[in-house]
mmCIF file of all heavy atoms, coordinates in Angstrom:
data_MODEL
# 
_entry.id   MODEL 
# 
loop_
_atom_site.group_PDB 
_atom_site.id 
_atom_site.type_symbol 
_atom_site.label_atom_id 
_atom_site.label_alt_id 
_atom_site.label_comp_id 
_atom_site.label_asym_id 
_atom_site.label_entity_id 
_atom_site.label_seq_id 
_atom_site.pdbx_PDB_ins_code 
_atom_site.Cartn_x 
_atom_site.Cartn_y 
_atom_site.Cartn_z 
_atom_site.occupancy 
_atom_site.B_iso_or_equiv 
_atom_site.pdbx_formal_charge 
_atom_site.auth_seq_id 
_atom_site.auth_comp_id 
_atom_site.auth_asym_id 
_atom_site.auth_atom_id 
_atom_site.pdbx_PDB_model_num 
ATOM 1   N N   . SER A 1 1  ? -120.169 -108.181 78.646 1.00 0.00 ? 1  SER A N   1 
ATOM 2   C CA  . SER A 1 1  ? -120.744 -109.254 79.447 1.00 0.00 ? 1  SER A CA  1 
ATOM 3   C C   . SER A 1 1  ? -121.460 -108.654 80.652 1.00 0.00 ? 1  SER A C   1 
ATOM 4   O O   . SER A 1 1  ? -121.114 -107.551 81.100 1.00 0.00 ? 1  SER A O   1 
ATOM 5   C CB  . SER A 1 1  ? -119.648 -110.198 79.936 1.00 0.00 ? 1  SER A CB  1 
ATOM 6   O OG  . SER A 1 1  ? -118.994 -110.796 78.837 1.00 0.00 ? 1  SER A OG  1 
ATOM 7   N N   . THR A 1 2  ? -122.428 -109.382 81.195 1.00 0.00 ? 2  THR A N   1 
ATOM 8   C CA  . THR A 1 2  ? -123.134 -108.855 82.366 1.00 0.00 ? 2  THR A CA  1 
ATOM 9   C C   . THR A 1 2  ? -122.191 -108.644 83.546 1.00 0.00 ? 2  THR A C   1 
ATOM 10  O O   . THR A 1 2  ? -122.393 -107.722 84.348 1.00 0.00 ? 2  THR A O   1 
ATOM 11  C CB  . THR A 1 2  ? -124.281 -109.798 82.786 1.00 0.00 ? 2  THR A CB  1 
ATOM 12  O OG1 . THR A 1 2  ? -123.772 -111.138 82.885 1.00 0.00 ? 2  THR A OG1 1 
ATOM 13  C CG2 . THR A 1 2  ? -125.425 -109.753 81.783 1.00 0.00 ? 2  THR A CG2 1 
ATOM 14  N N   . ASN A 1 3  ? -121.133 -109.466 83.659 1.00 0.00 ? 3  ASN A N   1 
ATOM 15  C CA  . ASN A 1 3  ? -120.230 -109.285 84.800 1.00 0.00 ? 3  ASN A CA  1 
ATOM 16  C C   . ASN A 1 3  ? -119.260 -108.119 84.610 1.00 0.00 ? 3  ASN A C   1 
ATOM 17  O O   . ASN A 1 3  ? -118.424 -107.859 85.475 1.00 0.00 ? 3  ASN A O   1 
ATOM 18  C CB  . ASN A 1 3  ? -119.485 -110.588 85.125 1.00 0.00 ? 3  ASN A CB  1 
ATOM 19  C CG  . ASN A 1 3  ? -118.474 -110.968 84.055 1.00 0.00 ? 3  ASN A CG  1 
ATOM 20  O OD1 . ASN A 1 3  ? -118.462 -110.389 82.971 1.00 0.00 ? 3  ASN A OD1 1 
ATOM 21  N ND2 . ASN A 1 3  ? -117.643 -111.954 84.357 1.00 0.00 ? 3  ASN A ND2 1 
ATOM 22  N N   . ASN A 1 4  ? -119.388 -107.410 83.491 1.00 0.00 ? 4  ASN A N   1 
ATOM 23  C CA  . ASN A 1 4  ? -118.635 -106.158 83.296 1.00 0.00 ? 4  ASN A CA  1 
ATOM 24  C C   . ASN A 1 4  ? -119.427 -104.949 83.776 1.00 0.00 ? 4  ASN A C   1 
ATOM 25  O O   . ASN A 1 4  ? -118.966 -103.805 83.635 1.00 0.00 ? 4  ASN A O   1 
ATOM 26  C CB  . ASN A 1 4  ? -118.292 -105.944 81.820 1.00 0.00 ? 4  ASN A CB  1 
ATOM 27  C CG  . ASN A 1 4  ? -117.410 -107.038 81.244 1.00 0.00 ? 4  ASN A CG  1 
ATOM 28  O OD1 . ASN A 1 4  ? -117.628 -107.504 80.138 1.00 0.00 ? 4  ASN A OD1 1 
ATOM 29  N ND2 . ASN A 1 4  ? -116.399 -107.463 82.007 1.00 0.00 ? 4  ASN A ND2 1 
ATOM 30  N N   . VAL A 1 5  ? -120.631 -105.198 84.329 1.00 0.00 ? 5  VAL A N   1 
ATOM 31  C CA  . VAL A 1 5  ? -121.536 -104.109 84.701 1.00 0.00 ? 5  VAL A CA  1 
ATOM 32  C C   . VAL A 1 5  ? -121.779 -104.104 86.213 1.00 0.00 ? 5  VAL A C   1 
ATOM 33  O O   . VAL A 1 5  ? -122.007 -105.153 86.827 1.00 0.00 ? 5  VAL A O   1 
ATOM 34  C CB  . VAL A 1 5  ? -122.902 -104.248 83.985 1.00 0.00 ? 5  VAL A CB  1 
ATOM 35  C CG1 . VAL A 1 5  ? -123.824 -103.081 84.356 1.00 0.00 ? 5  VAL A CG1 1 
ATOM 36  C CG2 . VAL A 1 5  ? -122.702 -104.320 82.469 1.00 0.00 ? 5  VAL A CG2 1 
ATOM 37  N N   . LEU A 1 6  ? -121.740 -102.913 86.801 1.00 0.00 ? 6  LEU A N   1 
ATOM 38  C CA  . LEU A 1 6  ? -122.170 -102.696 88.182 1.00 0.00 ? 6  LEU A CA  1 
ATOM 39  C C   . LEU A 1 6  ? -123.477 -101.910 88.145 1.00 0.00 ? 6  LEU A C   1 
ATOM 40  O O   . LEU A 1 6  ? -123.535 -100.823 87.568 1.00 0.00 ? 6  LEU A O   1 
ATOM 41  C CB  . LEU A 1 6  ? -121.121 -101.904 88.964 1.00 0.00 ? 6  LEU A CB  1 
ATOM 42  C CG  . LEU A 1 6  ? -121.561 -101.379 90.332 1.00 0.00 ? 6  LEU A CG  1 
ATOM 43  C CD1 . LEU A 1 6  ? -121.871 -102.533 91.301 1.00 0.00 ? 6  LEU A CD1 1 
ATOM 44  C CD2 . LEU A 1 6  ? -120.486 -100.453 90.933 1.00 0.00 ? 6  LEU A CD2 1 
ATOM 45  N N   . PHE A 1 7  ? -124.524 -102.470 88.749 1.00 0.00 ? 7  PHE A N   1 
ATOM 46  C CA  . PHE A 1 7  ? -125.848 -101.833 88.783 1.00 0.00 ? 7  PHE A CA  1 
ATOM 47  C C   . PHE A 1 7  ? -126.091 -101.251 90.160 1.00 0.00 ? 7  PHE A C   1 
ATOM 48  O O   . PHE A 1 7  ? -125.965 -101.951 91.174 1.00 0.00 ? 7  PHE A O   1 
ATOM 49  C CB  . PHE A 1 7  ? -126.919 -102.863 88.433 1.00 0.00 ? 7  PHE A CB  1 
ATOM 50  C CG  . PHE A 1 7  ? -128.336 -102.334 88.461 1.00 0.00 ? 7  PHE A CG  1 
ATOM 51  C CD1 . PHE A 1 7  ? -128.667 -101.139 87.833 1.00 0.00 ? 7  PHE A CD1 1 
ATOM 52  C CD2 . PHE A 1 7  ? -129.344 -103.050 89.104 1.00 0.00 ? 7  PHE A CD2 1 
ATOM 53  C CE1 . PHE A 1 7  ? -129.975 -100.656 87.844 1.00 0.00 ? 7  PHE A CE1 1 
ATOM 54  C CE2 . PHE A 1 7  ? -130.657 -102.591 89.120 1.00 0.00 ? 7  PHE A CE2 1 
ATOM 55  C CZ  . PHE A 1 7  ? -130.969 -101.381 88.495 1.00 0.00 ? 7  PHE A CZ  1 
ATOM 56  N N   . LEU A 1 8  ? -126.449 -99.977  90.210 1.00 0.00 ? 8  LEU A N   1 
ATOM 57  C CA  . LEU A 1 8  ? -126.777 -99.300  91.465 1.00 0.00 ? 8  LEU A CA  1 
ATOM 58  C C   . LEU A 1 8  ? -128.272 -98.993  91.493 1.00 0.00 ? 8  LEU A C   1 
ATOM 59  O O   . LEU A 1 8  ? -128.792 -98.318  90.605 1.00 0.00 ? 8  LEU A O   1 
ATOM 60  C CB  . LEU A 1 8  ? -125.991 -97.990  91.605 1.00 0.00 ? 8  LEU A CB  1 
ATOM 61  C CG  . LEU A 1 8  ? -124.468 -98.079  91.523 1.00 0.00 ? 8  LEU A CG  1 
ATOM 62  C CD1 . LEU A 1 8  ? -123.854 -96.692  91.765 1.00 0.00 ? 8  LEU A CD1 1 
ATOM 63  C CD2 . LEU A 1 8  ? -123.918 -99.085  92.521 1.00 0.00 ? 8  LEU A CD2 1 
ATOM 64  N N   . THR A 1 9  ? -128.960 -99.487  92.512 1.00 0.00 ? 9  THR A N   1 
ATOM 65  C CA  . THR A 1 9  ? -130.402 -99.270  92.650 1.00 0.00 ? 9  THR A CA  1 
ATOM 66  C C   . THR A 1 9  ? -130.766 -99.261  94.128 1.00 0.00 ? 9  THR A C   1 
ATOM 67  O O   . THR A 1 9  ? -130.026 -99.792  94.962 1.00 0.00 ? 9  THR A O   1 
ATOM 68  C CB  . THR A 1 9  ? -131.208 -100.367 91.927 1.00 0.00 ? 9  THR A CB  1 
ATOM 69  O OG1 . THR A 1 9  ? -132.609 -100.110 92.095 1.00 0.00 ? 9  THR A OG1 1 
ATOM 70  C CG2 . THR A 1 9  ? -130.901 -101.749 92.482 1.00 0.00 ? 9  THR A CG2 1 
ATOM 71  N N   . ASP A 1 10 ? -131.915 -98.671  94.447 1.00 0.00 ? 10 ASP A N   1 
ATOM 72  C CA  . ASP A 1 10 ? -132.417 -98.706  95.819 1.00 0.00 ? 10 ASP A CA  1 
ATOM 73  C C   . ASP A 1 10 ? -133.430 -99.831  96.025 1.00 0.00 ? 10 ASP A C   1 
ATOM 74  O O   . ASP A 1 10 ? -133.883 -100.050 97.148 1.00 0.00 ? 10 ASP A O   1 
ATOM 75  C CB  . ASP A 1 10 ? -133.072 -97.360  96.180 1.00 0.00 ? 10 ASP A CB  1 
ATOM 76  C CG  . ASP A 1 10 ? -134.284 -97.053  95.316 1.00 0.00 ? 10 ASP A CG  1 
ATOM 77  O OD1 . ASP A 1 10 ? -134.173 -97.122  94.085 1.00 0.00 ? 10 ASP A OD1 1 
ATOM 78  O OD2 . ASP A 1 10 ? -135.356 -96.737  95.870 1.00 0.00 ? 10 ASP A OD2 1 
ATOM 79  N N   . VAL A 1 11 ? -133.794 -100.529 94.958 1.00 0.00 ? 11 VAL A N   1 
ATOM 80  C CA  . VAL A 1 11 ? -134.859 -101.538 95.011 1.00 0.00 ? 11 VAL A CA  1 
ATOM 81  C C   . VAL A 1 11 ? -134.247 -102.940 94.991 1.00 0.00 ? 11 VAL A C   1 
ATOM 82  O O   . VAL A 1 11 ? -133.621 -103.336 94.003 1.00 0.00 ? 11 VAL A O   1 
ATOM 83  C CB  . VAL A 1 11 ? -135.842 -101.366 93.829 1.00 0.00 ? 11 VAL A CB  1 
ATOM 84  C CG1 . VAL A 1 11 ? -136.942 -102.423 93.893 1.00 0.00 ? 11 VAL A CG1 1 
ATOM 85  C CG2 . VAL A 1 11 ? -136.443 -99.966  93.836 1.00 0.00 ? 11 VAL A CG2 1 
ATOM 86  N N   . THR A 1 12 ? -134.447 -103.685 96.055 1.00 0.00 ? 12 THR A N   1 
ATOM 87  C CA  . THR A 1 12 ? -133.773 -104.995 96.164 1.00 0.00 ? 12 THR A CA  1 
ATOM 88  C C   . THR A 1 12 ? -134.291 -106.004 95.144 1.00 0.00 ? 12 THR A C   1 
ATOM 89  O O   . THR A 1 12 ? -133.537 -106.883 94.716 1.00 0.00 ? 12 THR A O   1 
ATOM 90  C CB  . THR A 1 12 ? -133.933 -105.571 97.583 1.00 0.00 ? 12 THR A CB  1 
ATOM 91  O OG1 . THR A 1 12 ? -135.322 -105.604 97.940 1.00 0.00 ? 12 THR A OG1 1 
ATOM 92  C CG2 . THR A 1 12 ? -133.169 -104.722 98.585 1.00 0.00 ? 12 THR A CG2 1 
ATOM 93  N N   . ARG A 1 13 ? -135.561 -105.901 94.731 1.00 0.00 ? 13 ARG A N   1 
ATOM 94  C CA  . ARG A 1 13 ? -136.076 -106.827 93.704 1.00 0.00 ? 13 ARG A CA  1 
ATOM 95  C C   . ARG A 1 13 ? -135.326 -106.611 92.381 1.00 0.00 ? 13 ARG A C   1 
ATOM 96  O O   . ARG A 1 13 ? -135.058 -107.567 91.644 1.00 0.00 ? 13 ARG A O   1 
ATOM 97  C CB  . ARG A 1 13 ? -137.571 -106.624 93.496 1.00 0.00 ? 13 ARG A CB  1 
ATOM 98  C CG  . ARG A 1 13 ? -138.433 -107.160 94.638 1.00 0.00 ? 13 ARG A CG  1 
ATOM 99  C CD  . ARG A 1 13 ? -139.906 -106.937 94.349 1.00 0.00 ? 13 ARG A CD  1 
ATOM 100 N NE  . ARG A 1 13 ? -140.371 -107.755 93.242 1.00 0.00 ? 13 ARG A NE  1 
ATOM 101 C CZ  . ARG A 1 13 ? -141.385 -107.428 92.447 1.00 0.00 ? 13 ARG A CZ  1 
ATOM 102 N NH1 . ARG A 1 13 ? -142.026 -106.281 92.610 1.00 0.00 ? 13 ARG A NH1 1 
ATOM 103 N NH2 . ARG A 1 13 ? -141.759 -108.233 91.473 1.00 0.00 ? 13 ARG A NH2 1 
ATOM 104 N N   . GLU A 1 14 ? -134.999 -105.356 92.075 1.00 0.00 ? 14 GLU A N   1 
ATOM 105 C CA  . GLU A 1 14 ? -134.209 -105.067 90.876 1.00 0.00 ? 14 GLU A CA  1 
ATOM 106 C C   . GLU A 1 14 ? -132.785 -105.576 91.055 1.00 0.00 ? 14 GLU A C   1 
ATOM 107 O O   . GLU A 1 14 ? -132.199 -106.158 90.126 1.00 0.00 ? 14 GLU A O   1 
ATOM 108 C CB  . GLU A 1 14 ? -134.202 -103.564 90.605 1.00 0.00 ? 14 GLU A CB  1 
ATOM 109 C CG  . GLU A 1 14 ? -135.573 -102.987 90.294 1.00 0.00 ? 14 GLU A CG  1 
ATOM 110 C CD  . GLU A 1 14 ? -135.586 -101.475 90.188 1.00 0.00 ? 14 GLU A CD  1 
ATOM 111 O OE1 . GLU A 1 14 ? -134.505 -100.854 90.271 1.00 0.00 ? 14 GLU A OE1 1 
ATOM 112 O OE2 . GLU A 1 14 ? -136.676 -100.911 90.009 1.00 0.00 ? 14 GLU A OE2 1 
ATOM 113 N N   . ALA A 1 15 ? -132.229 -105.357 92.237 1.00 0.00 ? 15 ALA A N   1 
ATOM 114 C CA  . ALA A 1 15 ? -130.875 -105.832 92.525 1.00 0.00 ? 15 ALA A CA  1 
ATOM 115 C C   . ALA A 1 15 ? -130.796 -107.344 92.364 1.00 0.00 ? 15 ALA A C   1 
ATOM 116 O O   . ALA A 1 15 ? -129.835 -107.880 91.798 1.00 0.00 ? 15 ALA A O   1 
ATOM 117 C CB  . ALA A 1 15 ? -130.463 -105.423 93.943 1.00 0.00 ? 15 ALA A CB  1 
ATOM 118 N N   . ASN A 1 16 ? -131.815 -108.037 92.840 1.00 0.00 ? 16 ASN A N   1 
ATOM 119 C CA  . ASN A 1 16 ? -131.854 -109.491 92.742 1.00 0.00 ? 16 ASN A CA  1 
ATOM 120 C C   . ASN A 1 16 ? -131.897 -109.951 91.290 1.00 0.00 ? 16 ASN A C   1 
ATOM 121 O O   . ASN A 1 16 ? -131.193 -110.887 90.886 1.00 0.00 ? 16 ASN A O   1 
ATOM 122 C CB  . ASN A 1 16 ? -133.065 -110.024 93.500 1.00 0.00 ? 16 ASN A CB  1 
ATOM 123 C CG  . ASN A 1 16 ? -133.133 -111.535 93.499 1.00 0.00 ? 16 ASN A CG  1 
ATOM 124 O OD1 . ASN A 1 16 ? -132.220 -112.205 93.983 1.00 0.00 ? 16 ASN A OD1 1 
ATOM 125 N ND2 . ASN A 1 16 ? -134.190 -112.089 92.929 1.00 0.00 ? 16 ASN A ND2 1 
ATOM 126 N N   . ALA A 1 17 ? -132.729 -109.261 90.472 1.00 0.00 ? 17 ALA A N   1 
ATOM 127 C CA  . ALA A 1 17 ? -132.841 -109.630 89.051 1.00 0.00 ? 17 ALA A CA  1 
ATOM 128 C C   . ALA A 1 17 ? -131.512 -109.413 88.335 1.00 0.00 ? 17 ALA A C   1 
ATOM 129 O O   . ALA A 1 17 ? -131.081 -110.242 87.527 1.00 0.00 ? 17 ALA A O   1 
ATOM 130 C CB  . ALA A 1 17 ? -133.944 -108.806 88.381 1.00 0.00 ? 17 ALA A CB  1 
ATOM 131 N N   . ALA A 1 18 ? -130.840 -108.306 88.634 1.00 0.00 ? 18 ALA A N   1 
ATOM 132 C CA  . ALA A 1 18 ? -129.544 -108.017 88.007 1.00 0.00 ? 18 ALA A CA  1 
ATOM 133 C C   . ALA A 1 18 ? -128.503 -109.039 88.439 1.00 0.00 ? 18 ALA A C   1 
ATOM 134 O O   . ALA A 1 18 ? -127.687 -109.504 87.630 1.00 0.00 ? 18 ALA A O   1 
ATOM 135 C CB  . ALA A 1 18 ? -129.092 -106.601 88.373 1.00 0.00 ? 18 ALA A CB  1 
ATOM 136 N N   . GLU A 1 19 ? -128.543 -109.392 89.711 1.00 0.00 ? 19 GLU A N   1 
ATOM 137 C CA  . GLU A 1 19 ? -127.591 -110.378 90.234 1.00 0.00 ? 19 GLU A CA  1 
ATOM 138 C C   . GLU A 1 19 ? -127.813 -111.748 89.589 1.00 0.00 ? 19 GLU A C   1 
ATOM 139 O O   . GLU A 1 19 ? -126.843 -112.462 89.285 1.00 0.00 ? 19 GLU A O   1 
ATOM 140 C CB  . GLU A 1 19 ? -127.751 -110.472 91.752 1.00 0.00 ? 19 GLU A CB  1 
ATOM 141 C CG  . GLU A 1 19 ? -126.603 -111.150 92.448 1.00 0.00 ? 19 GLU A CG  1 
ATOM 142 C CD  . GLU A 1 19 ? -126.744 -111.078 93.950 1.00 0.00 ? 19 GLU A CD  1 
ATOM 143 O OE1 . GLU A 1 19 ? -127.724 -111.647 94.485 1.00 0.00 ? 19 GLU A OE1 1 
ATOM 144 O OE2 . GLU A 1 19 ? -125.879 -110.465 94.590 1.00 0.00 ? 19 GLU A OE2 1 
ATOM 145 N N   . GLU A 1 20 ? -129.072 -112.109 89.366 1.00 0.00 ? 20 GLU A N   1 
ATOM 146 C CA  . GLU A 1 20 ? -129.382 -113.368 88.694 1.00 0.00 ? 20 GLU A CA  1 
ATOM 147 C C   . GLU A 1 20 ? -128.797 -113.407 87.279 1.00 0.00 ? 20 GLU A C   1 
ATOM 148 O O   . GLU A 1 20 ? -128.468 -114.479 86.765 1.00 0.00 ? 20 GLU A O   1 
ATOM 149 C CB  . GLU A 1 20 ? -130.897 -113.572 88.622 1.00 0.00 ? 20 GLU A CB  1 
ATOM 150 C CG  . GLU A 1 20 ? -131.524 -114.050 89.915 1.00 0.00 ? 20 GLU A CG  1 
ATOM 151 C CD  . GLU A 1 20 ? -133.019 -114.294 89.762 1.00 0.00 ? 20 GLU A CD  1 
ATOM 152 O OE1 . GLU A 1 20 ? -133.547 -114.090 88.642 1.00 0.00 ? 20 GLU A OE1 1 
ATOM 153 O OE2 . GLU A 1 20 ? -133.646 -114.678 90.762 1.00 0.00 ? 20 GLU A OE2 1 
ATOM 154 N N   . ALA A 1 21 ? -128.677 -112.209 86.677 1.00 0.00 ? 21 ALA A N   1 
ATOM 155 C CA  . ALA A 1 21 ? -128.098 -112.121 85.329 1.00 0.00 ? 21 ALA A CA  1 
ATOM 156 C C   . ALA A 1 21 ? -126.573 -112.028 85.379 1.00 0.00 ? 21 ALA A C   1 
ATOM 157 O O   . ALA A 1 21 ? -125.930 -111.851 84.350 1.00 0.00 ? 21 ALA A O   1 
ATOM 158 C CB  . ALA A 1 21 ? -128.674 -110.901 84.604 1.00 0.00 ? 21 ALA A CB  1 
ATOM 159 N N   . ASP A 1 22 ? -126.000 -112.129 86.588 1.00 0.00 ? 22 ASP A N   1 
ATOM 160 C CA  . ASP A 1 22 ? -124.545 -112.113 86.793 1.00 0.00 ? 22 ASP A CA  1 
ATOM 161 C C   . ASP A 1 22 ? -123.956 -110.708 86.712 1.00 0.00 ? 22 ASP A C   1 
ATOM 162 O O   . ASP A 1 22 ? -122.774 -110.542 86.402 1.00 0.00 ? 22 ASP A O   1 
ATOM 163 C CB  . ASP A 1 22 ? -123.837 -113.053 85.799 1.00 0.00 ? 22 ASP A CB  1 
ATOM 164 C CG  . ASP A 1 22 ? -122.457 -113.481 86.303 1.00 0.00 ? 22 ASP A CG  1 
ATOM 165 O OD1 . ASP A 1 22 ? -122.275 -113.504 87.540 1.00 0.00 ? 22 ASP A OD1 1 
ATOM 166 O OD2 . ASP A 1 22 ? -121.580 -113.751 85.467 1.00 0.00 ? 22 ASP A OD2 1 
ATOM 167 N N   . MET A 1 23 ? -124.771 -109.684 86.987 1.00 0.00 ? 23 MET A N   1 
ATOM 168 C CA  . MET A 1 23 ? -124.233 -108.326 87.146 1.00 0.00 ? 23 MET A CA  1 
ATOM 169 C C   . MET A 1 23 ? -123.773 -108.148 88.590 1.00 0.00 ? 23 MET A C   1 
ATOM 170 O O   . MET A 1 23 ? -124.276 -108.802 89.514 1.00 0.00 ? 23 MET A O   1 
ATOM 171 C CB  . MET A 1 23 ? -125.295 -107.266 86.839 1.00 0.00 ? 23 MET A CB  1 
ATOM 172 C CG  . MET A 1 23 ? -125.499 -106.983 85.368 1.00 0.00 ? 23 MET A CG  1 
ATOM 173 S SD  . MET A 1 23 ? -126.537 -105.513 85.096 1.00 0.00 ? 23 MET A SD  1 
ATOM 174 C CE  . MET A 1 23 ? -126.629 -105.536 83.294 1.00 0.00 ? 23 MET A CE  1 
ATOM 175 N N   . HIS A 1 24 ? -122.829 -107.244 88.790 1.00 0.00 ? 24 HIS A N   1 
ATOM 176 C CA  . HIS A 1 24 ? -122.466 -106.820 90.136 1.00 0.00 ? 24 HIS A CA  1 
ATOM 177 C C   . HIS A 1 24 ? -123.499 -105.798 90.594 1.00 0.00 ? 24 HIS A C   1 
ATOM 178 O O   . HIS A 1 24 ? -124.039 -105.025 89.782 1.00 0.00 ? 24 HIS A O   1 
ATOM 179 C CB  . HIS A 1 24 ? -121.072 -106.204 90.141 1.00 0.00 ? 24 HIS A CB  1 
ATOM 180 C CG  . HIS A 1 24 ? -120.004 -107.162 89.702 1.00 0.00 ? 24 HIS A CG  1 
ATOM 181 N ND1 . HIS A 1 24 ? -119.459 -108.109 90.539 1.00 0.00 ? 24 HIS A ND1 1 
ATOM 182 C CD2 . HIS A 1 24 ? -119.400 -107.336 88.487 1.00 0.00 ? 24 HIS A CD2 1 
ATOM 183 C CE1 . HIS A 1 24 ? -118.555 -108.814 89.870 1.00 0.00 ? 24 HIS A CE1 1 
ATOM 184 N NE2 . HIS A 1 24 ? -118.498 -108.368 88.622 1.00 0.00 ? 24 HIS A NE2 1 
# 
């Protein structure tokens, strides 16, 4: 599931997209 994933990035637009998909 997306909430089983932690995404590390320096780009906030990417962070926002991942968060919208319910990733940490």
